[in-house]
Amino acid sequence: MGFAHSGIIGQSTSLAELFRTLAKVAPTDSTVLVTGESGTGKELLVRALHSMSLRGDKPFVPINCGAIPKELLESELFGHEKGAFTHAIRTRPGRFELAEGGTVFLDEIGEMDLLLQVKILRVLQEREIERVGGQGAKKVDVRVIAATNRDLEEEVAAGRFREDLYYRLNVIPLHLPALRDRGEDVLLLTEFFLKRFCTQKKRLVLSLCPDVQRIFEAYPWPGNVRELENLAERLSILCEGDTVRPEDLPRKILSQVGEVAELPPPRPRVGAAPRAGFTWPTVADLREMNLGLKEFFDTAEEKLLIEALSLAEGVKNQAAEILGIKRTTLIEKLKKRNME
């Protein structure tokens, strides 16, 4: 159900490709630019990058470039010396210094003022900062990860974002797809959120009737995962029955999808039940292969290990996630079979 270290729930093809890239990029020190619409889970992805990196035991320092007034952002990022400006009554380190050895996450970097972009470029090029009111540069050892919901190429063309900074940030691009492009993940996420919120409220976990499943798959989710999570919480509070029905949904959703009868049926759920034609092994199968129960399990397990490693392109973290086991458990099994 997604990549274990990311906290991002999903099994769509678009996410699988993202997770493969994430596993390759995380252990490096390369600068990463995460893009995606608001509400897609960019910070979750960035935190996964940090936790899986060699800097995972060092500080992770996020800063929302769009939430801090531009006249204060430079001081927040780089710190200031005593007396540098009014109210600067003491010397204060900035986020880059606080993140020494770890990761700085520049969220919504597309909101950053052009003059400050020059200073971020210097950090990336020279690995040094200068406090506001300071007299000299200070070396910093941090990994920079940026995120934005804007199209930075369009921002560059419009003169609102520096082209040289864009290319410095965009060493490794990671794009989080919108929820409407993630297929079966909509119902998977709904199930996850409803279980969480209903459990918190000590009530029976809600299920979706088939019509609501069709509605959820047809609705475009402009607020992405955040919108779905908020709706799940609302339903866990207001839905009176044990099943969510169309009349329990906001008018906004119902009006956007149109006539429910004209919507396509829900997609088949991956892993919901054995696929057509699947048959469980029987004692007759064991006898035919001349195997005892332990030998049969060992053979089946080895085949699944090989397939999972192949699907994960040799990345053990991801292979373990595919099999639903811990990475340490996977490594033990591989060592046992001399497959390490």
Protein backbone atom coordinates (compact mmCIF):
# COMPACT_ATOMS: atom_id res chain seq x y z
CA MET A 1 0.00 0.00 0.00
CA GLY A 2 2.51 2.57 -1.15
CA PHE A 3 6.05 3.21 0.02
CA ALA A 4 6.52 2.39 3.69
CA HIS A 5 8.83 5.27 4.55
CA SER A 6 6.80 7.97 2.83
CA GLY A 7 3.45 7.74 4.58
CA ILE A 8 1.88 8.14 1.13
CA ILE A 9 -0.86 5.58 0.62
CA GLY A 10 -1.37 4.21 -2.87
CA GLN A 11 -0.59 1.53 -5.41
CA SER A 12 -1.27 3.27 -8.73
CA THR A 13 1.25 3.00 -11.56
CA SER A 14 2.13 6.70 -11.32
CA LEU A 15 3.03 6.35 -7.65
CA ALA A 16 5.02 3.16 -8.24
CA GLU A 17 7.28 5.02 -10.66
CA LEU A 18 7.68 7.85 -8.16
CA PHE A 19 8.66 5.42 -5.41
CA ARG A 20 11.29 3.80 -7.63
CA THR A 21 12.90 7.19 -8.24
CA LEU A 22 12.60 8.11 -4.57
CA ALA A 23 14.49 4.99 -3.50
CA LYS A 24 17.37 5.89 -5.84
CA VAL A 25 17.51 9.57 -4.96
CA ALA A 26 17.04 9.50 -1.18
CA PRO A 27 20.51 8.19 -0.22
CA THR A 28 22.25 10.88 -2.30
CA ASP A 29 22.89 14.55 -1.50
CA SER A 30 21.42 15.79 -4.77
CA THR A 31 19.11 18.80 -4.71
CA VAL A 32 15.49 17.77 -5.36
CA LEU A 33 12.54 19.79 -6.65
CA VAL A 34 9.15 18.31 -5.72
CA THR A 35 6.21 19.54 -7.75
CA GLY A 36 2.50 18.86 -7.54
CA GLU A 37 -0.82 20.50 -6.89
CA SER A 38 -1.71 21.73 -3.43
CA GLY A 39 -2.87 18.89 -1.18
CA THR A 40 -1.04 16.07 -2.97
CA GLY A 41 1.32 15.33 -0.05
CA LYS A 42 4.56 17.04 -1.07
CA GLU A 43 5.80 17.47 2.50
CA LEU A 44 5.22 13.76 3.23
CA LEU A 45 7.41 12.92 0.25
CA VAL A 46 10.13 15.35 1.33
CA ARG A 47 10.15 13.96 4.87
CA ALA A 48 10.55 10.48 3.37
CA LEU A 49 13.52 11.72 1.33
CA HIS A 50 15.14 13.03 4.49
CA SER A 51 14.44 9.99 6.68
CA MET A 52 15.82 7.59 4.03
CA SER A 53 18.93 9.70 3.41
CA LEU A 54 22.31 9.47 5.11
CA ARG A 55 21.25 12.65 6.93
CA GLY A 56 18.18 10.98 8.42
CA ASP A 57 19.43 11.29 12.01
CA LYS A 58 20.18 15.00 11.57
CA PRO A 59 17.71 17.94 11.68
CA PHE A 60 14.88 18.32 9.18
CA VAL A 61 14.01 22.02 9.00
CA PRO A 62 10.99 23.08 6.92
CA ILE A 63 10.13 26.65 6.01
CA ASN A 64 7.09 27.82 4.07
CA CYS A 65 8.35 30.58 1.80
CA GLY A 66 4.81 31.78 1.11
CA ALA A 67 3.70 32.03 4.74
CA ILE A 68 6.42 34.41 6.00
CA PRO A 69 6.47 38.09 4.97
CA LYS A 70 9.26 38.68 2.44
CA GLU A 71 10.92 41.30 4.67
CA LEU A 72 11.32 38.65 7.41
CA LEU A 73 12.12 35.62 5.26
CA GLU A 74 15.82 36.41 4.80
CA SER A 75 16.32 36.61 8.58
CA GLU A 76 14.36 33.36 9.04
CA LEU A 77 16.54 31.57 6.50
CA PHE A 78 19.98 32.99 7.28
CA GLY A 79 19.67 34.49 10.77
CA HIS A 80 20.70 37.97 11.87
CA GLU A 81 23.22 39.79 14.03
CA LYS A 82 22.26 41.87 17.03
CA GLY A 83 21.20 45.34 15.92
CA ALA A 84 20.85 44.37 12.25
CA PHE A 85 17.38 45.92 12.20
CA THR A 86 14.74 47.24 14.59
CA HIS A 87 13.82 44.65 17.24
CA ALA A 88 16.98 42.61 16.52
CA ILE A 89 17.90 42.68 20.19
CA ARG A 90 20.08 39.56 20.03
CA THR A 91 21.98 37.49 17.49
CA ARG A 92 19.84 34.71 16.09
CA PRO A 93 20.78 31.76 13.85
CA GLY A 94 18.60 31.05 10.81
CA ARG A 95 17.04 27.84 9.54
CA PHE A 96 20.10 26.90 7.47
CA GLU A 97 22.33 26.96 10.55
CA LEU A 98 19.75 25.05 12.60
CA ALA A 99 19.70 22.36 9.90
CA GLU A 100 23.48 21.82 9.95
CA GLY A 101 24.20 18.30 8.74
CA GLY A 102 20.56 17.74 7.83
CA THR A 103 17.96 18.93 5.35
CA VAL A 104 16.37 22.30 4.65
CA PHE A 105 12.93 22.07 3.03
CA LEU A 106 11.96 25.22 1.12
CA ASP A 107 8.22 24.77 0.66
CA GLU A 108 6.39 26.92 -1.92
CA ILE A 109 9.66 28.31 -3.22
CA GLY A 110 7.78 29.79 -6.17
CA GLU A 111 6.53 32.48 -3.77
CA MET A 112 10.05 33.69 -2.97
CA ASP A 113 11.12 37.25 -3.81
CA LEU A 114 13.61 37.57 -6.70
CA LEU A 115 16.24 39.30 -4.55
CA LEU A 116 16.18 36.46 -2.04
CA GLN A 117 16.39 33.91 -4.84
CA VAL A 118 19.89 35.22 -5.56
CA LYS A 119 20.96 34.36 -2.02
CA ILE A 120 19.47 30.87 -2.22
CA LEU A 121 21.43 30.37 -5.45
CA ARG A 122 24.61 31.30 -3.55
CA VAL A 123 23.84 28.70 -0.89
CA LEU A 124 23.47 26.02 -3.56
CA GLN A 125 26.63 27.07 -5.40
CA GLU A 126 28.98 28.02 -2.56
CA ARG A 127 27.45 26.15 0.39
CA GLU A 128 27.65 29.27 2.51
CA ILE A 129 25.32 31.87 4.02
CA GLU A 130 25.61 35.35 5.46
CA ARG A 131 23.48 36.53 8.36
CA VAL A 132 21.52 39.75 8.00
CA GLY A 133 23.85 42.46 9.30
CA GLY A 134 26.78 40.05 9.26
CA GLN A 135 30.28 40.82 8.04
CA GLY A 136 31.35 37.49 6.60
CA ALA A 137 30.17 34.20 5.07
CA LYS A 138 29.58 31.05 7.07
CA LYS A 139 29.86 27.57 5.58
CA VAL A 140 26.86 25.28 5.95
CA ASP A 141 26.47 21.57 5.31
CA VAL A 142 22.83 20.98 4.37
CA ARG A 143 20.82 19.26 1.69
CA VAL A 144 18.27 21.51 0.03
CA ILE A 145 14.89 20.17 -1.09
CA ALA A 146 12.35 22.57 -2.57
CA ALA A 147 8.68 22.18 -3.42
CA THR A 148 6.11 24.19 -5.30
CA ASN A 149 2.60 23.94 -6.71
CA ARG A 150 3.51 26.42 -9.45
CA ASP A 151 4.89 25.69 -12.90
CA LEU A 152 8.38 27.15 -12.45
CA GLU A 153 9.11 27.06 -16.17
CA GLU A 154 6.16 29.39 -16.68
CA GLU A 155 7.36 31.53 -13.77
CA VAL A 156 10.82 31.78 -15.39
CA ALA A 157 9.27 32.78 -18.73
CA ALA A 158 7.22 35.47 -16.95
CA GLY A 159 10.31 36.83 -15.19
CA ARG A 160 9.08 35.90 -11.70
CA PHE A 161 11.64 33.18 -11.03
CA ARG A 162 15.36 33.11 -11.79
CA GLU A 163 16.29 30.69 -14.55
CA ASP A 164 19.69 29.88 -13.00
CA LEU A 165 18.06 29.02 -9.66
CA TYR A 166 15.44 26.88 -11.38
CA TYR A 167 18.13 24.73 -13.01
CA ARG A 168 20.07 24.51 -9.74
CA LEU A 169 16.97 23.27 -7.92
CA ASN A 170 15.73 20.97 -10.66
CA VAL A 171 18.63 18.49 -10.50
CA ILE A 172 16.22 15.70 -9.56
CA PRO A 173 12.55 16.49 -10.31
CA LEU A 174 9.89 14.50 -8.47
CA HIS A 175 6.27 15.08 -9.44
CA LEU A 176 3.39 14.00 -7.22
CA PRO A 177 0.37 13.22 -9.39
CA ALA A 178 -3.02 14.74 -8.65
CA LEU A 179 -5.48 12.42 -6.91
CA ARG A 180 -7.74 12.38 -10.01
CA ASP A 181 -4.83 10.78 -11.93
CA ARG A 182 -4.24 8.01 -9.39
CA GLY A 183 -7.07 5.65 -10.35
CA GLU A 184 -7.84 3.07 -7.70
CA ASP A 185 -5.97 5.04 -5.03
CA VAL A 186 -9.09 7.17 -4.39
CA LEU A 187 -11.01 4.28 -2.81
CA LEU A 188 -7.89 2.92 -1.12
CA LEU A 189 -7.26 6.29 0.55
CA THR A 190 -10.93 6.66 1.49
CA GLU A 191 -10.84 3.30 3.21
CA PHE A 192 -7.65 4.29 5.06
CA PHE A 193 -8.98 7.65 6.27
CA LEU A 194 -12.40 6.31 7.27
CA LYS A 195 -10.78 3.56 9.30
CA ARG A 196 -8.52 6.07 11.05
CA PHE A 197 -11.21 8.61 11.89
CA CYS A 198 -13.90 6.07 12.83
CA THR A 199 -11.43 4.27 15.10
CA GLN A 200 -10.54 7.57 16.78
CA LYS A 201 -14.23 8.24 17.38
CA LYS A 202 -14.84 4.68 18.59
CA ARG A 203 -17.52 3.93 16.03
CA LEU A 204 -17.97 1.13 13.49
CA VAL A 205 -15.81 1.78 10.44
CA LEU A 206 -17.91 3.23 7.64
CA SER A 207 -18.07 1.61 4.22
CA LEU A 208 -19.04 3.14 0.87
CA CYS A 209 -22.07 1.91 -1.05
CA PRO A 210 -21.39 1.13 -4.75
CA ASP A 211 -22.95 4.43 -5.90
CA VAL A 212 -20.66 6.43 -3.62
CA GLN A 213 -17.67 4.48 -4.91
CA ARG A 214 -18.66 5.50 -8.45
CA ILE A 215 -19.07 9.12 -7.35
CA PHE A 216 -15.68 9.20 -5.63
CA GLU A 217 -13.93 7.81 -8.71
CA ALA A 218 -15.67 10.30 -11.00
CA TYR A 219 -15.16 13.41 -8.84
CA PRO A 220 -12.00 15.42 -9.82
CA TRP A 221 -10.86 16.17 -6.22
CA PRO A 222 -9.51 19.69 -6.80
CA GLY A 223 -8.20 19.74 -3.23
CA ASN A 224 -6.50 16.37 -3.77
CA VAL A 225 -5.68 14.08 -0.81
CA ARG A 226 -6.24 16.89 1.70
CA GLU A 227 -9.82 17.35 0.46
CA LEU A 228 -10.50 13.62 0.65
CA GLU A 229 -9.07 13.41 4.16
CA ASN A 230 -11.23 16.30 5.35
CA LEU A 231 -14.35 14.73 3.82
CA ALA A 232 -13.59 11.38 5.49
CA GLU A 233 -13.37 13.12 8.87
CA ARG A 234 -16.65 14.92 8.20
CA LEU A 235 -18.37 11.66 7.27
CA SER A 236 -17.03 9.93 10.40
CA ILE A 237 -18.82 12.59 12.46
CA LEU A 238 -22.04 13.25 10.54
CA CYS A 239 -22.91 9.99 8.78
CA GLU A 240 -25.65 8.31 10.81
CA GLY A 241 -25.63 4.84 9.30
CA ASP A 242 -22.79 2.36 8.85
CA THR A 243 -22.67 2.90 5.08
CA VAL A 244 -21.99 6.16 3.27
CA ARG A 245 -24.72 6.89 0.70
CA PRO A 246 -25.01 9.67 -1.90
CA GLU A 247 -27.32 11.71 0.34
CA ASP A 248 -24.48 11.88 2.93
CA LEU A 249 -22.20 13.72 0.48
CA PRO A 250 -21.84 17.49 0.00
CA ARG A 251 -23.89 19.03 -2.82
CA LYS A 252 -20.68 20.30 -4.41
CA ILE A 253 -19.56 16.73 -5.12
CA LEU A 254 -22.95 15.51 -6.33
CA SER A 255 -23.42 18.47 -8.67
CA GLN A 256 -20.01 17.96 -10.29
CA VAL A 257 -20.42 14.28 -11.13
CA GLY A 258 -23.91 14.50 -12.61
CA GLU A 259 -26.30 11.55 -12.83
CA VAL A 260 -24.97 8.63 -10.77
CA ALA A 261 -26.70 6.08 -13.00
CA GLU A 262 -24.61 7.26 -15.95
CA LEU A 263 -21.27 6.86 -14.15
CA PRO A 264 -19.03 3.85 -14.87
CA PRO A 265 -18.94 1.06 -12.27
CA PRO A 266 -16.17 1.14 -9.62
CA ARG A 267 -12.77 -0.12 -10.74
CA PRO A 268 -11.85 -3.64 -9.58
CA ARG A 269 -9.93 -3.38 -6.29
CA VAL A 270 -6.34 -4.61 -6.51
CA GLY A 271 -5.82 -7.27 -3.87
CA ALA A 272 -9.45 -7.21 -2.76
CA ALA A 273 -9.95 -10.86 -3.65
CA PRO A 274 -8.15 -13.59 -5.57
CA ARG A 275 -8.26 -12.86 -9.30
CA ALA A 276 -10.46 -14.83 -11.62
CA GLY A 277 -8.98 -18.27 -12.23
CA PHE A 278 -6.92 -18.22 -9.02
CA THR A 279 -7.00 -21.44 -7.01
CA TRP A 280 -5.43 -22.10 -3.63
CA PRO A 281 -2.89 -24.94 -3.53
CA THR A 282 -4.19 -28.26 -2.23
CA VAL A 283 -2.68 -31.32 -0.58
CA ALA A 284 -2.90 -32.99 -3.99
CA ASP A 285 -0.57 -30.31 -5.36
CA LEU A 286 2.00 -31.06 -2.64
CA ARG A 287 1.82 -34.77 -3.42
CA GLU A 288 2.16 -34.13 -7.14
CA MET A 289 5.32 -32.07 -6.56
CA ASN A 290 6.56 -34.54 -3.95
CA LEU A 291 6.98 -31.75 -1.38
CA GLY A 292 6.26 -31.53 2.31
CA LEU A 293 4.51 -28.44 3.69
CA LYS A 294 7.77 -26.74 4.79
CA GLU A 295 9.48 -27.40 1.44
CA PHE A 296 6.44 -26.05 -0.39
CA PHE A 297 6.39 -22.85 1.68
CA ASP A 298 10.15 -22.39 1.23
CA THR A 299 9.85 -22.78 -2.55
CA ALA A 300 6.88 -20.40 -2.79
CA GLU A 301 8.63 -17.83 -0.57
CA GLU A 302 11.82 -17.93 -2.65
CA LYS A 303 9.87 -17.37 -5.86
CA LEU A 304 8.06 -14.39 -4.30
CA LEU A 305 11.35 -12.92 -3.03
CA ILE A 306 12.86 -13.14 -6.50
CA GLU A 307 9.79 -11.55 -8.11
CA ALA A 308 9.61 -8.72 -5.55
CA LEU A 309 13.31 -7.88 -6.01
CA SER A 310 12.77 -7.88 -9.77
CA LEU A 311 9.76 -5.55 -9.51
CA ALA A 312 11.74 -3.27 -7.16
CA GLU A 313 14.78 -3.29 -9.48
CA GLY A 314 16.90 -4.65 -6.62
CA VAL A 315 15.93 -1.92 -4.12
CA LYS A 316 15.45 -3.84 -0.87
CA ASN A 317 13.34 -1.19 0.88
CA GLN A 318 10.82 -1.31 -1.94
CA ALA A 319 10.93 -5.10 -2.28
CA ALA A 320 10.09 -5.37 1.42
CA GLU A 321 7.19 -2.96 0.94
CA ILE A 322 5.86 -5.01 -1.99
CA LEU A 323 5.88 -8.11 0.21
CA GLY A 324 4.46 -6.31 3.23
CA ILE A 325 7.42 -7.11 5.50
CA LYS A 326 10.16 -5.14 7.21
CA ARG A 327 13.44 -4.51 5.40
CA THR A 328 15.34 -6.37 8.16
CA THR A 329 13.05 -9.38 7.70
CA LEU A 330 13.69 -9.35 3.96
CA ILE A 331 17.46 -9.24 4.48
CA GLU A 332 17.29 -12.16 6.93
CA LYS A 333 15.37 -14.22 4.40
CA LEU A 334 17.82 -13.37 1.62
CA LYS A 335 20.83 -14.26 3.79
CA LYS A 336 19.20 -17.55 4.74
CA ARG A 337 19.01 -18.43 1.05
CA ASN A 338 22.43 -16.94 0.15
CA MET A 339 20.60 -14.40 -2.05
CA GLU A 340 22.07 -11.31 -0.30
